[in-house]
Amino acid sequence: ATAYLLRSIDRETFRKLRAALEAVGGVAVLERASAEYKRDVGGAWGAPRVPLGIARALKDRFDPLGVLAPGRMPT
């Protein structure tokens, strides 16, 4: 399931919407939001869909200098 929101919503509502979508295998990605908003709602991408070890290995392989999307992947 995918949802497109065309207006801003409060953080609690977004967290509930994201949880409902993720519960059925969907996603809620934030395209435009402040860093504070993203941090408060669990990041731009939501729950990881790829195991962290695999994601890190891919990032290391294709971006060895860490110049693409710095800070996006959890440490």
N, C-alpha and C. Protein backbone atom coordinates (compact mmCIF):
# COMPACT_ATOMS: atom_id res chain seq x y z
N ALA A 1 0.84 -1.18 0.00
CA ALA A 1 0.00 0.00 0.00
C ALA A 1 0.89 1.24 0.00
N THR A 2 0.48 2.23 -0.74
CA THR A 2 1.19 3.49 -0.80
C THR A 2 0.19 4.61 -0.62
N ALA A 3 0.57 5.62 0.14
CA ALA A 3 -0.30 6.77 0.35
C ALA A 3 0.44 8.02 -0.08
N TYR A 4 -0.26 8.91 -0.76
CA TYR A 4 0.29 10.20 -1.13
C TYR A 4 -0.48 11.27 -0.39
N LEU A 5 0.22 12.06 0.40
CA LEU A 5 -0.42 13.15 1.13
C LEU A 5 -0.05 14.44 0.44
N LEU A 6 -1.02 15.28 0.22
CA LEU A 6 -0.77 16.52 -0.50
C LEU A 6 -0.77 17.73 0.41
N ARG A 7 -0.74 17.49 1.71
CA ARG A 7 -0.66 18.58 2.67
C ARG A 7 0.08 18.08 3.90
N SER A 8 0.51 19.01 4.72
CA SER A 8 1.21 18.66 5.95
C SER A 8 0.23 18.12 6.99
N ILE A 9 0.71 17.18 7.79
CA ILE A 9 -0.08 16.68 8.91
C ILE A 9 0.81 16.67 10.15
N ASP A 10 0.17 16.64 11.30
CA ASP A 10 0.95 16.66 12.54
C ASP A 10 1.71 15.35 12.71
N ARG A 11 2.72 15.39 13.52
CA ARG A 11 3.63 14.25 13.69
C ARG A 11 2.92 13.00 14.18
N GLU A 12 2.05 13.13 15.17
CA GLU A 12 1.36 11.96 15.72
C GLU A 12 0.49 11.28 14.66
N THR A 13 -0.20 12.07 13.87
CA THR A 13 -1.03 11.51 12.80
C THR A 13 -0.16 10.79 11.77
N PHE A 14 0.98 11.40 11.43
CA PHE A 14 1.87 10.75 10.47
C PHE A 14 2.40 9.43 11.03
N ARG A 15 2.81 9.42 12.30
CA ARG A 15 3.30 8.17 12.91
C ARG A 15 2.24 7.08 12.85
N LYS A 16 1.00 7.42 13.13
CA LYS A 16 -0.09 6.44 13.08
C LYS A 16 -0.32 5.95 11.65
N LEU A 17 -0.29 6.88 10.69
CA LEU A 17 -0.47 6.50 9.29
C LEU A 17 0.65 5.58 8.83
N ARG A 18 1.88 5.94 9.16
CA ARG A 18 3.02 5.10 8.77
C ARG A 18 2.91 3.71 9.39
N ALA A 19 2.56 3.63 10.66
CA ALA A 19 2.42 2.33 11.33
C ALA A 19 1.36 1.48 10.66
N ALA A 20 0.24 2.09 10.30
CA ALA A 20 -0.84 1.35 9.64
C ALA A 20 -0.38 0.84 8.27
N LEU A 21 0.31 1.66 7.52
CA LEU A 21 0.80 1.23 6.21
C LEU A 21 1.84 0.13 6.33
N GLU A 22 2.78 0.29 7.27
CA GLU A 22 3.82 -0.72 7.43
C GLU A 22 3.24 -2.05 7.92
N ALA A 23 2.15 -2.00 8.67
CA ALA A 23 1.52 -3.23 9.17
C ALA A 23 0.98 -4.10 8.03
N VAL A 24 0.69 -3.48 6.89
CA VAL A 24 0.17 -4.24 5.74
C VAL A 24 1.19 -4.31 4.61
N GLY A 25 2.47 -4.05 4.95
CA GLY A 25 3.53 -4.16 3.97
C GLY A 25 3.76 -2.92 3.12
N GLY A 26 3.14 -1.81 3.49
CA GLY A 26 3.29 -0.57 2.74
C GLY A 26 4.38 0.31 3.32
N VAL A 27 4.50 1.49 2.75
CA VAL A 27 5.50 2.44 3.20
C VAL A 27 4.91 3.85 3.22
N ALA A 28 5.51 4.70 4.01
CA ALA A 28 5.21 6.13 4.01
C ALA A 28 6.56 6.84 4.01
N VAL A 29 6.94 7.39 2.87
CA VAL A 29 8.23 8.06 2.70
C VAL A 29 8.00 9.56 2.73
N LEU A 30 8.82 10.25 3.49
CA LEU A 30 8.73 11.71 3.53
C LEU A 30 9.61 12.30 2.44
N GLU A 31 9.01 12.95 1.47
CA GLU A 31 9.80 13.59 0.43
C GLU A 31 10.25 14.98 0.86
N ARG A 32 9.37 15.70 1.53
CA ARG A 32 9.70 17.07 1.96
C ARG A 32 9.27 17.26 3.40
N ALA A 33 10.25 17.48 4.25
CA ALA A 33 9.97 17.75 5.67
C ALA A 33 11.26 18.26 6.29
N SER A 34 11.11 18.99 7.37
CA SER A 34 12.31 19.48 8.07
C SER A 34 13.04 18.29 8.71
N ALA A 35 14.31 18.50 8.99
CA ALA A 35 15.10 17.46 9.66
C ALA A 35 14.49 17.11 11.01
N GLU A 36 13.97 18.10 11.70
CA GLU A 36 13.34 17.87 13.01
C GLU A 36 12.09 16.99 12.86
N TYR A 37 11.26 17.29 11.88
CA TYR A 37 10.04 16.49 11.65
C TYR A 37 10.43 15.06 11.32
N LYS A 38 11.39 14.89 10.40
CA LYS A 38 11.82 13.54 10.03
C LYS A 38 12.32 12.77 11.25
N ARG A 39 13.13 13.43 12.06
CA ARG A 39 13.66 12.77 13.27
C ARG A 39 12.53 12.36 14.19
N ASP A 40 11.54 13.22 14.37
CA ASP A 40 10.44 12.96 15.30
C ASP A 40 9.52 11.83 14.84
N VAL A 41 9.47 11.56 13.53
CA VAL A 41 8.55 10.53 13.04
C VAL A 41 9.25 9.25 12.62
N GLY A 42 10.55 9.14 12.92
CA GLY A 42 11.25 7.90 12.61
C GLY A 42 12.02 7.92 11.31
N GLY A 43 12.35 9.09 10.82
CA GLY A 43 13.15 9.20 9.61
C GLY A 43 12.32 9.34 8.35
N ALA A 44 13.00 9.64 7.27
CA ALA A 44 12.33 9.85 5.99
C ALA A 44 11.79 8.54 5.42
N TRP A 45 12.44 7.43 5.71
CA TRP A 45 12.11 6.16 5.07
C TRP A 45 11.31 5.20 5.93
N GLY A 46 11.20 5.43 7.21
CA GLY A 46 10.44 4.52 8.07
C GLY A 46 11.24 3.29 8.44
N ALA A 47 10.53 2.21 8.70
CA ALA A 47 11.17 0.96 9.12
C ALA A 47 12.06 0.42 8.02
N PRO A 48 13.26 -0.05 8.38
CA PRO A 48 14.15 -0.62 7.36
C PRO A 48 13.52 -1.86 6.73
N ARG A 49 13.65 -1.97 5.42
CA ARG A 49 13.11 -3.13 4.71
C ARG A 49 14.21 -4.09 4.27
N VAL A 50 15.45 -3.67 4.47
CA VAL A 50 16.62 -4.50 4.16
C VAL A 50 17.42 -4.62 5.45
N PRO A 51 17.88 -5.82 5.78
CA PRO A 51 18.69 -5.95 6.99
C PRO A 51 19.87 -4.99 6.96
N LEU A 52 20.17 -4.39 8.10
CA LEU A 52 21.19 -3.36 8.19
C LEU A 52 22.55 -3.83 7.67
N GLY A 53 22.92 -5.05 7.96
CA GLY A 53 24.21 -5.57 7.48
C GLY A 53 24.30 -5.58 5.96
N ILE A 54 23.23 -5.97 5.31
CA ILE A 54 23.19 -5.98 3.84
C ILE A 54 23.22 -4.56 3.31
N ALA A 55 22.44 -3.67 3.92
CA ALA A 55 22.42 -2.27 3.48
C ALA A 55 23.80 -1.64 3.60
N ARG A 56 24.50 -1.91 4.71
CA ARG A 56 25.85 -1.36 4.90
C ARG A 56 26.82 -1.92 3.86
N ALA A 57 26.73 -3.22 3.60
CA ALA A 57 27.63 -3.85 2.62
C ALA A 57 27.41 -3.23 1.23
N LEU A 58 26.16 -3.00 0.85
CA LEU A 58 25.88 -2.37 -0.44
C LEU A 58 26.40 -0.94 -0.48
N LYS A 59 26.17 -0.21 0.60
CA LYS A 59 26.65 1.17 0.67
C LYS A 59 28.18 1.20 0.57
N ASP A 60 28.85 0.32 1.28
CA ASP A 60 30.32 0.27 1.24
C ASP A 60 30.81 -0.08 -0.17
N ARG A 61 30.09 -0.97 -0.82
CA ARG A 61 30.50 -1.41 -2.17
C ARG A 61 30.32 -0.31 -3.22
N PHE A 62 29.17 0.36 -3.20
CA PHE A 62 28.85 1.32 -4.25
C PHE A 62 29.14 2.77 -3.89
N ASP A 63 29.44 3.04 -2.63
CA ASP A 63 29.76 4.40 -2.19
C ASP A 63 30.88 4.33 -1.14
N PRO A 64 32.05 3.84 -1.55
CA PRO A 64 33.12 3.62 -0.57
C PRO A 64 33.61 4.89 0.13
N LEU A 65 33.41 6.04 -0.49
CA LEU A 65 33.84 7.29 0.14
C LEU A 65 32.73 7.93 0.98
N GLY A 66 31.54 7.35 0.96
CA GLY A 66 30.44 7.86 1.78
C GLY A 66 29.94 9.23 1.38
N VAL A 67 29.94 9.52 0.08
CA VAL A 67 29.52 10.85 -0.37
C VAL A 67 28.04 10.93 -0.73
N LEU A 68 27.39 9.80 -0.97
CA LEU A 68 25.98 9.80 -1.34
C LEU A 68 25.11 9.67 -0.09
N ALA A 69 24.19 10.60 0.08
CA ALA A 69 23.25 10.59 1.21
C ALA A 69 23.95 10.38 2.55
N PRO A 70 24.93 11.22 2.89
CA PRO A 70 25.63 11.04 4.17
C PRO A 70 24.67 11.16 5.35
N GLY A 71 24.82 10.27 6.32
CA GLY A 71 23.99 10.31 7.50
C GLY A 71 22.63 9.67 7.37
N ARG A 72 22.28 9.18 6.19
CA ARG A 72 20.95 8.61 6.01
C ARG A 72 20.83 7.24 6.67
N MET A 73 21.88 6.45 6.61
CA MET A 73 21.83 5.11 7.18
C MET A 73 22.16 5.16 8.67
N PRO A 74 21.39 4.45 9.49
CA PRO A 74 21.70 4.44 10.93
C PRO A 74 23.06 3.83 11.19
N THR A 75 23.67 4.28 12.26
CA THR A 75 24.98 3.74 12.61
C THR A 75 24.87 2.63 13.64
